[in-house]
Amino acid sequence: MDLGKLQEMMVKTQQMKDDMDHKLSETVVQGSAGGGMVVATMNGQKHLIKLKIDPTVTGLSASDVEMLEDLLTVAVNEAERKADEASKKTMQGMMGGVLGGLNLPDIF
């Protein structure tokens, strides 16, 4: 395979990844527990968009529950971001060993 074809393939792969990321960011799913007392809303990239907790579950005021929902959303998303970073580092380490010094663009 010549370098031109390899480069073209890499560009197409990056375009496919970008398209997939865009579609996943627009996908919205929900999961619930306790008969709907807790509802989590995520996008297809596993980013928590919203967490809804019925105030009767906590015994807290509605404003306290809203603050708790926001804090939990931020904490979950930070953990998800850190997990992605760790996964990326692991993948780069593994791919670096497999691909050696080919100097390919980062597509992960």
C-alpha atoms as a PDB file:
ATOM      1  CA  MET A   1       0.000   0.000   0.000  1.00  0.00           C
ATOM      2  CA  ASP A   2       1.471   3.354  -0.963  1.00  0.00           C
ATOM      3  CA  LEU A   3       1.592   6.297   1.438  1.00  0.00           C
ATOM      4  CA  GLY A   4      -1.086   8.257  -0.482  1.00  0.00           C
ATOM      5  CA  LYS A   5      -3.623   5.475  -0.033  1.00  0.00           C
ATOM      6  CA  LEU A   6      -2.653   5.071   3.621  1.00  0.00           C
ATOM      7  CA  GLN A   7      -3.114   8.794   4.215  1.00  0.00           C
ATOM      8  CA  GLU A   8      -6.482   8.743   2.417  1.00  0.00           C
ATOM      9  CA  MET A   9      -7.572   5.806   4.559  1.00  0.00           C
ATOM     10  CA  MET A  10      -6.519   7.650   7.723  1.00  0.00           C
ATOM     11  CA  VAL A  11      -8.507  10.756   6.690  1.00  0.00           C
ATOM     12  CA  LYS A  12     -11.599   8.647   5.985  1.00  0.00           C
ATOM     13  CA  THR A  13     -11.195   6.872   9.328  1.00  0.00           C
ATOM     14  CA  GLN A  14     -11.015  10.217  11.141  1.00  0.00           C
ATOM     15  CA  GLN A  15     -14.097  11.470   9.262  1.00  0.00           C
ATOM     16  CA  MET A  16     -16.025   8.335  10.237  1.00  0.00           C
ATOM     17  CA  LYS A  17     -14.970   8.793  13.871  1.00  0.00           C
ATOM     18  CA  ASP A  18     -16.058  12.448  13.812  1.00  0.00           C
ATOM     19  CA  ASP A  19     -19.417  11.520  12.263  1.00  0.00           C
ATOM     20  CA  MET A  20     -19.957   8.804  14.854  1.00  0.00           C
ATOM     21  CA  ASP A  21     -19.032  11.162  17.719  1.00  0.00           C
ATOM     22  CA  HIS A  22     -21.505  13.750  16.407  1.00  0.00           C
ATOM     23  CA  LYS A  23     -24.332  11.206  16.139  1.00  0.00           C
ATOM     24  CA  LEU A  24     -23.610   9.828  19.594  1.00  0.00           C
ATOM     25  CA  SER A  25     -23.582  13.320  21.117  1.00  0.00           C
ATOM     26  CA  GLU A  26     -27.113  13.856  19.765  1.00  0.00           C
ATOM     27  CA  THR A  27     -28.434  10.506  21.006  1.00  0.00           C
ATOM     28  CA  VAL A  28     -30.267  10.788  24.339  1.00  0.00           C
ATOM     29  CA  VAL A  29     -31.161   7.842  26.574  1.00  0.00           C
ATOM     30  CA  GLN A  30     -32.645   7.516  30.051  1.00  0.00           C
ATOM     31  CA  GLY A  31     -32.398   4.978  32.800  1.00  0.00           C
ATOM     32  CA  SER A  32     -34.480   4.943  35.946  1.00  0.00           C
ATOM     33  CA  ALA A  33     -34.663   3.206  39.302  1.00  0.00           C
ATOM     34  CA  GLY A  34     -37.186   2.992  42.080  1.00  0.00           C
ATOM     35  CA  GLY A  35     -40.167   3.296  39.780  1.00  0.00           C
ATOM     36  CA  GLY A  36     -38.879   6.584  38.362  1.00  0.00           C
ATOM     37  CA  MET A  37     -37.760   8.091  41.672  1.00  0.00           C
ATOM     38  CA  VAL A  38     -34.259   8.477  40.206  1.00  0.00           C
ATOM     39  CA  VAL A  39     -33.822   9.181  36.491  1.00  0.00           C
ATOM     40  CA  ALA A  40     -30.474   9.541  34.704  1.00  0.00           C
ATOM     41  CA  THR A  41     -30.311  11.103  31.243  1.00  0.00           C
ATOM     42  CA  MET A  42     -27.177  10.510  29.131  1.00  0.00           C
ATOM     43  CA  ASN A  43     -26.059  11.084  25.595  1.00  0.00           C
ATOM     44  CA  GLY A  44     -24.662   8.318  23.414  1.00  0.00           C
ATOM     45  CA  GLN A  45     -21.137   9.249  24.483  1.00  0.00           C
ATOM     46  CA  LYS A  46     -22.029   8.208  28.050  1.00  0.00           C
ATOM     47  CA  HIS A  47     -21.965  11.827  29.251  1.00  0.00           C
ATOM     48  CA  LEU A  48     -24.492  12.398  32.032  1.00  0.00           C
ATOM     49  CA  ILE A  49     -26.741  15.246  30.925  1.00  0.00           C
ATOM     50  CA  LYS A  50     -29.135  15.303  33.860  1.00  0.00           C
ATOM     51  CA  LEU A  51     -29.870  13.423  37.030  1.00  0.00           C
ATOM     52  CA  LYS A  52     -33.344  13.753  38.571  1.00  0.00           C
ATOM     53  CA  ILE A  53     -34.041  12.625  42.134  1.00  0.00           C
ATOM     54  CA  ASP A  54     -37.546  12.684  43.599  1.00  0.00           C
ATOM     55  CA  PRO A  55     -37.293  14.844  46.774  1.00  0.00           C
ATOM     56  CA  THR A  56     -39.355  12.298  48.729  1.00  0.00           C
ATOM     57  CA  VAL A  57     -36.453   9.832  48.413  1.00  0.00           C
ATOM     58  CA  THR A  58     -34.063  12.097  50.291  1.00  0.00           C
ATOM     59  CA  GLY A  59     -36.227  13.987  52.760  1.00  0.00           C
ATOM     60  CA  LEU A  60     -34.413  17.144  51.588  1.00  0.00           C
ATOM     61  CA  SER A  61     -35.984  20.329  50.285  1.00  0.00           C
ATOM     62  CA  ALA A  62     -36.461  20.665  46.534  1.00  0.00           C
ATOM     63  CA  SER A  63     -33.602  23.190  46.296  1.00  0.00           C
ATOM     64  CA  ASP A  64     -31.243  20.888  48.244  1.00  0.00           C
ATOM     65  CA  VAL A  65     -32.165  17.995  45.958  1.00  0.00           C
ATOM     66  CA  GLU A  66     -31.482  20.174  42.911  1.00  0.00           C
ATOM     67  CA  MET A  67     -28.024  21.066  44.272  1.00  0.00           C
ATOM     68  CA  LEU A  68     -27.378  17.369  45.010  1.00  0.00           C
ATOM     69  CA  GLU A  69     -28.414  16.443  41.446  1.00  0.00           C
ATOM     70  CA  ASP A  70     -26.001  19.042  40.030  1.00  0.00           C
ATOM     71  CA  LEU A  71     -23.124  17.892  42.260  1.00  0.00           C
ATOM     72  CA  LEU A  72     -23.686  14.243  41.348  1.00  0.00           C
ATOM     73  CA  THR A  73     -23.857  15.104  37.633  1.00  0.00           C
ATOM     74  CA  VAL A  74     -20.531  16.969  37.790  1.00  0.00           C
ATOM     75  CA  ALA A  75     -18.861  14.188  39.815  1.00  0.00           C
ATOM     76  CA  VAL A  76     -20.028  11.421  37.455  1.00  0.00           C
ATOM     77  CA  ASN A  77     -18.877  13.360  34.385  1.00  0.00           C
ATOM     78  CA  GLU A  78     -15.482  14.087  35.954  1.00  0.00           C
ATOM     79  CA  ALA A  79     -15.036  10.394  36.738  1.00  0.00           C
ATOM     80  CA  GLU A  80     -16.065   9.504  33.165  1.00  0.00           C
ATOM     81  CA  ARG A  81     -13.554  12.011  31.758  1.00  0.00           C
ATOM     82  CA  LYS A  82     -10.771  10.580  33.937  1.00  0.00           C
ATOM     83  CA  ALA A  83     -11.683   7.032  32.902  1.00  0.00           C
ATOM     84  CA  ASP A  84     -11.512   8.095  29.233  1.00  0.00           C
ATOM     85  CA  GLU A  85      -8.074   9.647  29.801  1.00  0.00           C
ATOM     86  CA  ALA A  86      -6.807   6.492  31.505  1.00  0.00           C
ATOM     87  CA  SER A  87      -8.213   4.349  28.708  1.00  0.00           C
ATOM     88  CA  LYS A  88      -6.614   6.562  26.068  1.00  0.00           C
ATOM     89  CA  LYS A  89      -3.215   6.397  27.789  1.00  0.00           C
ATOM     90  CA  THR A  90      -3.452   2.625  28.030  1.00  0.00           C
ATOM     91  CA  MET A  91      -4.475   2.349  24.364  1.00  0.00           C
ATOM     92  CA  GLN A  92      -1.641   4.642  23.261  1.00  0.00           C
ATOM     93  CA  GLY A  93       0.836   2.593  25.249  1.00  0.00           C
ATOM     94  CA  MET A  94      -0.390  -0.639  23.720  1.00  0.00           C
ATOM     95  CA  MET A  95      -0.568   0.777  20.192  1.00  0.00           C
ATOM     96  CA  GLY A  96       2.863   2.353  20.566  1.00  0.00           C
ATOM     97  CA  GLY A  97       4.314  -1.054  21.302  1.00  0.00           C
ATOM     98  CA  VAL A  98       2.457  -2.676  18.413  1.00  0.00           C
ATOM     99  CA  LEU A  99       2.974   0.003  15.771  1.00  0.00           C
ATOM    100  CA  GLY A 100       6.431   1.110  16.789  1.00  0.00           C
ATOM    101  CA  GLY A 101       7.577   4.381  15.267  1.00  0.00           C
ATOM    102  CA  LEU A 102       5.124   4.682  12.354  1.00  0.00           C
ATOM    103  CA  ASN A 103       4.143   8.194  13.533  1.00  0.00           C
ATOM    104  CA  LEU A 104       0.447   7.720  12.688  1.00  0.00           C
ATOM    105  CA  PRO A 105      -2.093  10.405  13.632  1.00  0.00           C
ATOM    106  CA  ASP A 106      -4.061  10.029  16.860  1.00  0.00           C
ATOM    107  CA  ILE A 107      -7.503   8.619  16.005  1.00  0.00           C
ATOM    108  CA  PHE A 108      -8.508   7.346  19.459  1.00  0.00           C
END
